[in-house]
Amino acid sequence: MTTSDDGLGFTQTKQVTLFDAAHPLRLVCGDQLNEVVIAYETYGTLDADASNAVFVCHALTGDAHAAGWHQGDKHPGWWDTMIGPGKAIDTNRWFVIVPNLLGGCQGSTGPSSVNPATGKPWGLDFPLLNMSDFVTVHRALVAYLGVRKLHAVVGGSMGGMQALQWAISYPADLDNAVIIAASSRLTAQNIAFSAVGREAIVRDENFQGGRFTEQGVSPDVGLTIARMMAHITYTSEQGFQEKFGRQPQYAESAPGFGVDFAVEGYLEHQGEAFLTRFDALSYLYLTRVMDYFDPFADSSALDAVRADPVRFLVLSFDSDWRFSTEQSRRIVRRLASAELPVTFRDIQSPWGHDSFLLEIDPYLATVRAFLEAKNDYRGTAWGRA
């Protein structure tokens, strides 16, 4: 890995087998996986006492390539605004770990991987996943890398859900959790958006009951539509208006049912570009994990973290209507009701849910200040309340 003053330079994605037939992954649903391969990247240097590790959990369609460049990249990693030398997650200071999560499609075991028992892609025979399963695999990766304790777990959107689950299930693993533009329980509207996206995929004639890879086809139309609709929810009315308004796509065109407006061209591009980097089955499985995520439903959910408190930072964006500020406030209220150390900030931004990926100075400064603050809170009244 090479570095520069304003970026990480070139980075490399690695793979590791974390579970095998002798040590299978036992899932929340009761099934098990006899082989789990995880793709991951690391940035920075681990201290001699392995005390400076920051684990980054990615959102729905993310992957292990969060920062820096791969050969042939047109753009850097998906969170290059956040991670790098001198950035909010400063790789001169922190050893950063980023995996492609279980169920993904960028080098990690997922529903399009080969089932060792059959020699064919899993398809819909792949077991249903739970947010806690992601955490189990993340913990195995941390152990493999020789990290005894994490300084922080950080995530946006579904990544924030993973960070929340980890912090309340295994608080001894980490000192800090940063939960950005996330939710502890999807609203009916959120579930509805994901349901329509999944229906578009399943009803594509090329879906073939999930066996499309074996048939040499792909449900591209359905996946494109799912991405186009999801992308509408990731920005705001103000963001769309400022960027596109009612601008025509072409200088001259006759009215019809093609791509007449610039915003239509943008969505079409987003949908088509998505086909080159994501898999329809992963989209089905990962969106369903979010639908069922409800960690506070268990009355004892916060018992472990009350006994060994983690320091929380919860961030939202005022124009995010997909995972609204109110959903972040719900997380804050639940944590505060357990008398846990929690900091909350709602950031002004016109760009909706996608704001967590963008270079917004107050947002990035807040994350950096939180991670670098020297707060000795363990063993205080927070843990004895």
Protein backbone atom coordinates (compact mmCIF):
# COMPACT_ATOMS: atom_id res chain seq x y z
CA MET A 1 0.00 0.00 0.00
CA THR A 2 1.37 3.41 -0.98
CA THR A 3 0.26 6.63 0.68
CA SER A 4 0.25 10.33 -0.04
CA ASP A 5 -0.58 13.47 1.86
CA ASP A 6 -4.14 13.55 0.55
CA GLY A 7 -5.01 9.88 0.25
CA LEU A 8 -4.09 6.28 0.86
CA GLY A 9 -2.84 5.62 -2.64
CA PHE A 10 -3.30 2.06 -3.90
CA THR A 11 -4.91 -0.47 -1.59
CA GLN A 12 -5.45 -4.21 -1.84
CA THR A 13 -8.42 -6.42 -1.03
CA LYS A 14 -7.52 -9.69 0.71
CA GLN A 15 -9.57 -12.80 1.49
CA VAL A 16 -9.56 -15.15 4.46
CA THR A 17 -11.53 -18.29 5.31
CA LEU A 18 -12.88 -17.68 8.81
CA PHE A 19 -15.16 -20.73 9.18
CA ASP A 20 -14.88 -24.22 7.73
CA ALA A 21 -16.43 -27.66 8.12
CA ALA A 22 -14.44 -28.31 11.29
CA HIS A 23 -15.50 -24.94 12.73
CA PRO A 24 -18.78 -23.97 10.99
CA LEU A 25 -20.62 -20.69 11.36
CA ARG A 26 -23.81 -21.27 13.31
CA LEU A 27 -26.45 -18.75 12.29
CA VAL A 28 -29.26 -17.18 14.27
CA CYS A 29 -31.80 -18.95 12.03
CA GLY A 30 -30.49 -22.34 13.22
CA ASP A 31 -28.65 -23.27 10.01
CA GLN A 32 -24.90 -23.36 9.62
CA LEU A 33 -22.38 -22.51 6.93
CA ASN A 34 -19.44 -24.89 6.55
CA GLU A 35 -17.36 -22.38 4.62
CA VAL A 36 -17.22 -18.63 5.09
CA VAL A 37 -14.74 -16.56 3.10
CA ILE A 38 -14.53 -12.85 3.85
CA ALA A 39 -12.93 -10.14 1.72
CA TYR A 40 -11.38 -7.27 3.64
CA GLU A 41 -9.00 -4.33 3.47
CA THR A 42 -6.90 -2.72 6.18
CA TYR A 43 -5.33 0.74 6.29
CA GLY A 44 -2.73 2.16 8.65
CA THR A 45 -0.55 0.29 11.12
CA LEU A 46 -1.60 -1.70 14.16
CA ASP A 47 0.12 -0.51 17.34
CA ALA A 48 2.38 -2.87 19.25
CA ASP A 49 -0.32 -3.29 21.89
CA ALA A 50 -3.06 -3.68 19.22
CA SER A 51 -5.05 -0.84 20.79
CA ASN A 52 -5.68 1.49 17.85
CA ALA A 53 -8.04 -0.52 15.66
CA VAL A 54 -11.18 1.01 14.15
CA PHE A 55 -13.64 -1.34 12.46
CA VAL A 56 -15.79 0.06 9.64
CA CYS A 57 -19.09 -1.64 8.73
CA HIS A 58 -20.43 -0.92 5.27
CA ALA A 59 -23.94 -0.06 4.14
CA LEU A 60 -26.25 -2.18 1.99
CA THR A 61 -24.33 -2.06 -1.29
CA GLY A 62 -20.83 -1.34 0.03
CA ASP A 63 -17.79 -3.58 0.01
CA ALA A 64 -14.31 -3.91 1.48
CA HIS A 65 -12.83 -1.18 -0.74
CA ALA A 66 -13.66 1.81 1.42
CA ALA A 67 -10.69 4.08 0.74
CA GLY A 68 -7.74 4.54 -1.57
CA TRP A 69 -7.56 3.26 -5.11
CA HIS A 70 -7.53 -0.02 -6.98
CA GLN A 71 -5.87 -0.30 -10.37
CA GLY A 72 -8.29 0.92 -13.01
CA ASP A 73 -10.54 2.77 -10.55
CA LYS A 74 -12.38 5.81 -11.84
CA HIS A 75 -13.23 6.73 -8.26
CA PRO A 76 -11.64 5.97 -4.89
CA GLY A 77 -13.19 3.69 -2.28
CA TRP A 78 -16.75 4.39 -1.17
CA TRP A 79 -15.77 6.19 2.09
CA ASP A 80 -12.60 7.94 0.94
CA THR A 81 -14.09 11.18 2.26
CA MET A 82 -13.93 9.68 5.78
CA ILE A 83 -10.86 7.42 5.81
CA GLY A 84 -7.24 8.32 5.09
CA PRO A 85 -4.20 10.25 6.28
CA GLY A 86 -5.36 13.34 8.19
CA LYS A 87 -9.04 12.57 7.58
CA ALA A 88 -11.81 11.97 10.12
CA ILE A 89 -10.69 8.36 10.54
CA ASP A 90 -7.02 9.21 10.37
CA THR A 91 -4.94 6.30 9.08
CA ASN A 92 -1.82 7.94 10.49
CA ARG A 93 -3.37 7.22 13.88
CA TRP A 94 -5.79 4.33 13.48
CA PHE A 95 -5.54 0.82 12.06
CA VAL A 96 -8.72 0.56 10.01
CA ILE A 97 -10.44 -2.74 9.18
CA VAL A 98 -13.13 -2.91 6.49
CA PRO A 99 -14.76 -6.21 5.40
CA ASN A 100 -17.25 -7.08 2.71
CA LEU A 101 -19.93 -8.55 4.91
CA LEU A 102 -21.41 -12.05 4.92
CA GLY A 103 -24.10 -12.30 2.24
CA GLY A 104 -22.33 -9.76 0.05
CA CYS A 105 -21.04 -10.24 -3.46
CA GLN A 106 -17.61 -8.62 -3.55
CA GLY A 107 -15.43 -11.49 -2.42
CA SER A 108 -17.32 -12.66 0.66
CA THR A 109 -19.52 -15.74 0.97
CA GLY A 110 -23.08 -15.00 -0.12
CA PRO A 111 -26.05 -16.50 -1.94
CA SER A 112 -24.24 -16.47 -5.29
CA SER A 113 -21.25 -18.34 -3.86
CA VAL A 114 -20.83 -22.03 -4.54
CA ASN A 115 -22.45 -24.33 -2.00
CA PRO A 116 -19.67 -26.83 -1.10
CA ALA A 117 -22.27 -29.58 -0.65
CA THR A 118 -23.64 -29.31 -4.21
CA GLY A 119 -20.93 -27.62 -6.26
CA LYS A 120 -23.56 -25.15 -7.51
CA PRO A 121 -24.39 -21.58 -6.49
CA TRP A 122 -26.50 -21.42 -3.32
CA GLY A 123 -29.31 -19.32 -4.81
CA LEU A 124 -32.35 -19.19 -2.54
CA ASP A 125 -31.05 -22.22 -0.62
CA PHE A 126 -28.67 -19.85 1.15
CA PRO A 127 -29.89 -19.44 4.75
CA LEU A 128 -31.56 -16.27 5.94
CA LEU A 129 -29.24 -13.94 7.79
CA ASN A 130 -29.52 -11.77 10.87
CA MET A 131 -27.63 -8.63 11.89
CA SER A 132 -26.07 -10.67 14.70
CA ASP A 133 -24.61 -13.07 12.11
CA PHE A 134 -22.69 -10.17 10.58
CA VAL A 135 -21.30 -9.32 14.01
CA THR A 136 -20.23 -12.92 14.61
CA VAL A 137 -18.23 -12.89 11.38
CA HIS A 138 -16.80 -9.43 12.10
CA ARG A 139 -15.57 -10.65 15.48
CA ALA A 140 -13.89 -13.63 13.83
CA LEU A 141 -12.08 -11.30 11.42
CA VAL A 142 -10.90 -9.10 14.31
CA ALA A 143 -9.53 -12.16 16.12
CA TYR A 144 -7.80 -13.36 12.94
CA LEU A 145 -6.06 -9.98 12.64
CA GLY A 146 -4.78 -10.20 16.20
CA VAL A 147 -6.81 -7.32 17.57
CA ARG A 148 -7.78 -7.81 21.20
CA LYS A 149 -10.04 -4.77 21.51
CA LEU A 150 -11.41 -2.16 19.13
CA HIS A 151 -11.11 1.52 19.76
CA ALA A 152 -14.32 1.98 17.78
CA VAL A 153 -16.83 0.41 15.44
CA VAL A 154 -18.13 2.90 12.86
CA GLY A 155 -20.91 2.53 10.31
CA GLY A 156 -23.43 4.44 8.25
CA SER A 157 -26.92 3.28 7.28
CA MET A 158 -26.93 -0.54 7.56
CA GLY A 159 -23.36 -0.21 8.78
CA GLY A 160 -24.67 1.80 11.71
CA MET A 161 -27.08 -1.03 12.49
CA GLN A 162 -24.15 -3.46 12.64
CA ALA A 163 -22.28 -1.08 14.96
CA LEU A 164 -25.31 -0.82 17.25
CA GLN A 165 -25.81 -4.60 17.34
CA TRP A 166 -22.14 -5.18 18.11
CA ALA A 167 -22.03 -2.59 20.88
CA ILE A 168 -25.06 -3.92 22.75
CA SER A 169 -24.24 -7.62 22.24
CA TYR A 170 -20.49 -7.59 22.92
CA PRO A 171 -19.65 -4.30 24.63
CA ALA A 172 -16.33 -5.63 25.95
CA ASP A 173 -15.09 -5.77 22.34
CA LEU A 174 -15.05 -2.00 21.83
CA ASP A 175 -14.75 1.36 23.55
CA ASN A 176 -16.76 3.49 21.13
CA ALA A 177 -19.57 3.08 18.59
CA VAL A 178 -20.36 5.60 15.85
CA ILE A 179 -23.84 5.15 14.38
CA ILE A 180 -24.55 7.35 11.36
CA ALA A 181 -27.86 7.82 9.50
CA ALA A 182 -29.18 4.52 10.81
CA SER A 183 -32.26 3.01 12.41
CA SER A 184 -32.95 0.53 15.18
CA ARG A 185 -36.24 -0.51 13.57
CA LEU A 186 -37.32 0.18 10.01
CA THR A 187 -40.56 2.04 9.49
CA ALA A 188 -43.35 0.52 7.44
CA GLN A 189 -42.44 2.91 4.62
CA ASN A 190 -38.84 1.68 4.63
CA ILE A 191 -39.94 -1.94 4.52
CA ALA A 192 -42.30 -1.06 1.67
CA PHE A 193 -39.53 0.46 -0.44
CA SER A 194 -37.39 -2.64 -0.02
CA ALA A 195 -40.35 -4.91 -0.76
CA VAL A 196 -40.98 -3.24 -4.12
CA GLY A 197 -37.29 -3.53 -5.00
CA ARG A 198 -37.28 -7.23 -4.19
CA GLU A 199 -40.47 -7.78 -6.19
CA ALA A 200 -38.88 -6.12 -9.22
CA ILE A 201 -36.02 -8.61 -9.00
CA VAL A 202 -38.08 -11.74 -8.32
CA ARG A 203 -40.58 -10.95 -11.08
CA ASP A 204 -37.86 -10.43 -13.69
CA GLU A 205 -38.22 -13.27 -16.20
CA ASN A 206 -34.51 -14.00 -15.84
CA PHE A 207 -34.63 -14.51 -12.09
CA GLN A 208 -35.33 -18.23 -12.66
CA GLY A 209 -36.25 -18.94 -9.06
CA GLY A 210 -32.83 -17.70 -7.95
CA ARG A 211 -31.00 -20.13 -10.27
CA PHE A 212 -30.21 -17.52 -12.91
CA THR A 213 -26.42 -18.02 -12.73
CA GLU A 214 -26.81 -21.69 -13.66
CA GLN A 215 -28.99 -20.66 -16.59
CA GLY A 216 -26.46 -18.12 -17.83
CA VAL A 217 -28.82 -15.17 -17.40
CA SER A 218 -29.29 -12.35 -14.90
CA PRO A 219 -32.34 -10.37 -13.70
CA ASP A 220 -30.80 -7.11 -14.84
CA VAL A 221 -34.08 -5.30 -15.48
CA GLY A 222 -35.37 -6.05 -12.00
CA LEU A 223 -32.12 -5.15 -10.26
CA THR A 224 -31.86 -1.91 -12.25
CA ILE A 225 -35.38 -0.89 -11.24
CA ALA A 226 -34.70 -1.78 -7.60
CA ARG A 227 -31.61 0.42 -7.61
CA MET A 228 -33.33 3.30 -9.36
CA MET A 229 -36.14 3.35 -6.84
CA ALA A 230 -33.78 3.00 -3.88
CA HIS A 231 -31.65 5.84 -5.18
CA ILE A 232 -34.66 8.16 -5.10
CA THR A 233 -34.90 7.52 -1.36
CA TYR A 234 -31.21 8.25 -0.80
CA THR A 235 -31.42 11.93 -1.67
CA SER A 236 -33.90 14.68 -0.85
CA GLU A 237 -36.33 16.82 -2.79
CA GLN A 238 -33.99 19.77 -2.26
CA GLY A 239 -31.05 17.74 -3.47
CA PHE A 240 -32.84 16.62 -6.63
CA GLN A 241 -34.09 20.14 -7.28
CA GLU A 242 -30.66 21.73 -6.87
CA LYS A 243 -28.93 19.14 -9.01
CA PHE A 244 -31.50 18.57 -11.74
CA GLY A 245 -34.67 20.63 -11.42
CA ARG A 246 -36.63 20.10 -14.64
CA GLN A 247 -33.60 20.21 -16.91
CA PRO A 248 -34.04 18.25 -20.14
CA GLN A 249 -31.71 15.32 -20.78
CA TYR A 250 -30.99 16.46 -24.32
CA ALA A 251 -30.89 19.86 -25.99
CA GLU A 252 -33.51 18.72 -28.46
CA SER A 253 -36.03 15.92 -28.03
CA ALA A 254 -39.65 15.18 -28.79
CA PRO A 255 -41.91 14.43 -25.82
CA GLY A 256 -42.43 10.74 -25.30
CA PHE A 257 -41.75 7.90 -22.88
CA GLY A 258 -37.98 7.83 -23.14
CA VAL A 259 -35.39 9.62 -21.02
CA ASP A 260 -36.55 13.20 -21.47
CA PHE A 261 -35.42 14.79 -18.18
CA ALA A 262 -31.92 14.93 -16.66
CA VAL A 263 -33.12 13.28 -13.46
CA GLU A 264 -34.35 10.31 -15.52
CA GLY A 265 -30.95 10.01 -17.16
CA TYR A 266 -29.28 10.10 -13.76
CA LEU A 267 -31.44 7.30 -12.39
CA GLU A 268 -30.96 5.21 -15.52
CA HIS A 269 -27.19 5.60 -15.18
CA GLN A 270 -27.27 4.64 -11.50
CA GLY A 271 -29.31 1.54 -12.26
CA GLU A 272 -27.09 0.37 -15.11
CA ALA A 273 -23.85 1.06 -13.24
CA PHE A 274 -25.15 -1.00 -10.32
CA LEU A 275 -25.24 -4.11 -12.52
CA THR A 276 -21.46 -4.12 -12.79
CA ARG A 277 -20.85 -4.35 -9.05
CA PHE A 278 -23.80 -5.96 -7.28
CA ASP A 279 -25.73 -9.20 -7.28
CA ALA A 280 -29.52 -9.56 -7.22
CA LEU A 281 -29.49 -12.31 -4.59
CA SER A 282 -27.35 -10.26 -2.21
CA TYR A 283 -29.84 -7.43 -2.65
CA LEU A 284 -32.69 -9.72 -1.58
CA TYR A 285 -30.89 -11.16 1.43
CA LEU A 286 -29.36 -7.98 2.81
CA THR A 287 -32.48 -5.85 2.52
CA ARG A 288 -34.39 -8.55 4.39
CA VAL A 289 -31.88 -8.44 7.24
CA MET A 290 -32.65 -4.75 7.68
CA ASP A 291 -36.41 -5.38 7.63
CA TYR A 292 -36.20 -7.71 10.63
CA PHE A 293 -33.64 -5.71 12.61
CA ASP A 294 -35.16 -4.68 15.95
CA PRO A 295 -32.52 -5.05 18.69
CA PHE A 296 -34.43 -3.15 21.37
CA ALA A 297 -37.43 -5.51 21.11
CA ASP A 298 -35.81 -7.72 23.76
CA SER A 299 -36.32 -6.16 27.19
CA SER A 300 -32.83 -7.35 28.22
CA ALA A 301 -31.14 -5.93 25.10
CA LEU A 302 -29.16 -3.30 26.98
CA ASP A 303 -28.21 -5.37 30.03
CA ALA A 304 -24.73 -6.26 28.78
CA VAL A 305 -23.79 -2.76 27.68
CA ARG A 306 -25.16 -1.25 30.89
CA ALA A 307 -22.76 -3.48 32.80
CA ASP A 308 -19.83 -2.57 30.51
CA PRO A 309 -20.74 0.72 28.85
CA VAL A 310 -19.68 1.74 25.37
CA ARG A 311 -19.51 5.42 24.44
CA PHE A 312 -21.91 6.19 21.58
CA LEU A 313 -22.01 8.88 18.91
CA VAL A 314 -25.28 8.99 16.95
CA LEU A 315 -25.44 11.25 13.89
CA SER A 316 -28.32 12.08 11.56
CA PHE A 317 -28.93 14.48 8.67
CA ASP A 318 -31.85 16.88 8.67
CA SER A 319 -32.86 16.17 5.05
CA ASP A 320 -32.63 12.37 5.33
CA TRP A 321 -36.16 11.04 4.98
CA ARG A 322 -35.15 7.41 4.41
CA PHE A 323 -33.54 7.05 7.85
CA SER A 324 -34.87 10.21 9.40
CA THR A 325 -33.55 12.20 12.34
CA GLU A 326 -36.43 10.81 14.40
CA GLN A 327 -35.12 7.28 13.85
CA SER A 328 -31.73 8.34 15.19
CA ARG A 329 -33.41 10.05 18.12
CA ARG A 330 -35.14 6.77 18.93
CA ILE A 331 -31.73 5.11 19.25
CA VAL A 332 -30.53 7.97 21.45
CA ARG A 333 -33.58 7.75 23.71
CA ARG A 334 -33.15 4.01 24.22
CA LEU A 335 -29.45 4.36 25.02
CA ALA A 336 -30.04 7.35 27.28
CA SER A 337 -32.81 5.51 29.13
CA ALA A 338 -30.15 2.97 30.11
CA GLU A 339 -27.95 5.88 31.28
CA LEU A 340 -25.29 5.13 28.69
CA PRO A 341 -22.85 7.81 27.50
CA VAL A 342 -24.35 8.97 24.20
CA THR A 343 -23.70 12.05 22.09
CA PHE A 344 -26.17 13.06 19.38
CA ARG A 345 -25.90 15.57 16.55
CA ASP A 346 -28.23 16.33 13.66
CA ILE A 347 -26.21 17.69 10.73
CA GLN A 348 -27.56 20.19 8.22
CA SER A 349 -27.25 18.94 4.65
CA PRO A 350 -29.45 19.19 1.54
CA TRP A 351 -28.37 15.77 0.21
CA GLY A 352 -30.57 13.38 2.16
CA HIS A 353 -29.44 9.91 3.20
CA ASP A 354 -26.40 9.99 0.90
CA SER A 355 -24.97 12.76 3.09
CA PHE A 356 -23.12 10.18 5.18
CA LEU A 357 -20.90 9.46 2.14
CA LEU A 358 -20.16 13.10 1.33
CA GLU A 359 -17.57 15.67 2.35
CA ILE A 360 -19.57 17.73 4.84
CA ASP A 361 -17.14 19.49 7.18
CA PRO A 362 -19.21 19.65 10.41
CA TYR A 363 -20.07 15.98 10.05
CA LEU A 364 -16.51 14.80 9.45
CA ALA A 365 -15.16 17.07 12.18
CA THR A 366 -17.65 15.60 14.66
CA VAL A 367 -16.58 12.04 13.89
CA ARG A 368 -12.91 12.93 14.19
CA ALA A 369 -13.35 14.79 17.46
CA PHE A 370 -15.32 11.92 18.96
CA LEU A 371 -12.79 9.26 17.96
CA GLU A 372 -9.83 11.29 19.21
CA ALA A 373 -11.40 12.49 22.48
CA LYS A 374 -9.76 11.24 25.66
CA ASN A 375 -12.65 10.07 27.82
CA ASP A 376 -12.17 7.51 30.56
CA TYR A 377 -15.75 6.47 31.25
CA ARG A 378 -15.51 2.72 31.95
CA GLY A 379 -16.02 1.82 35.58
CA THR A 380 -17.77 5.13 36.29
CA ALA A 381 -21.36 5.67 37.34
CA TRP A 382 -22.37 5.02 33.73
CA GLY A 383 -21.80 1.33 34.29
CA ARG A 384 -23.36 1.17 37.74
CA ALA A 385 -26.63 2.98 37.07
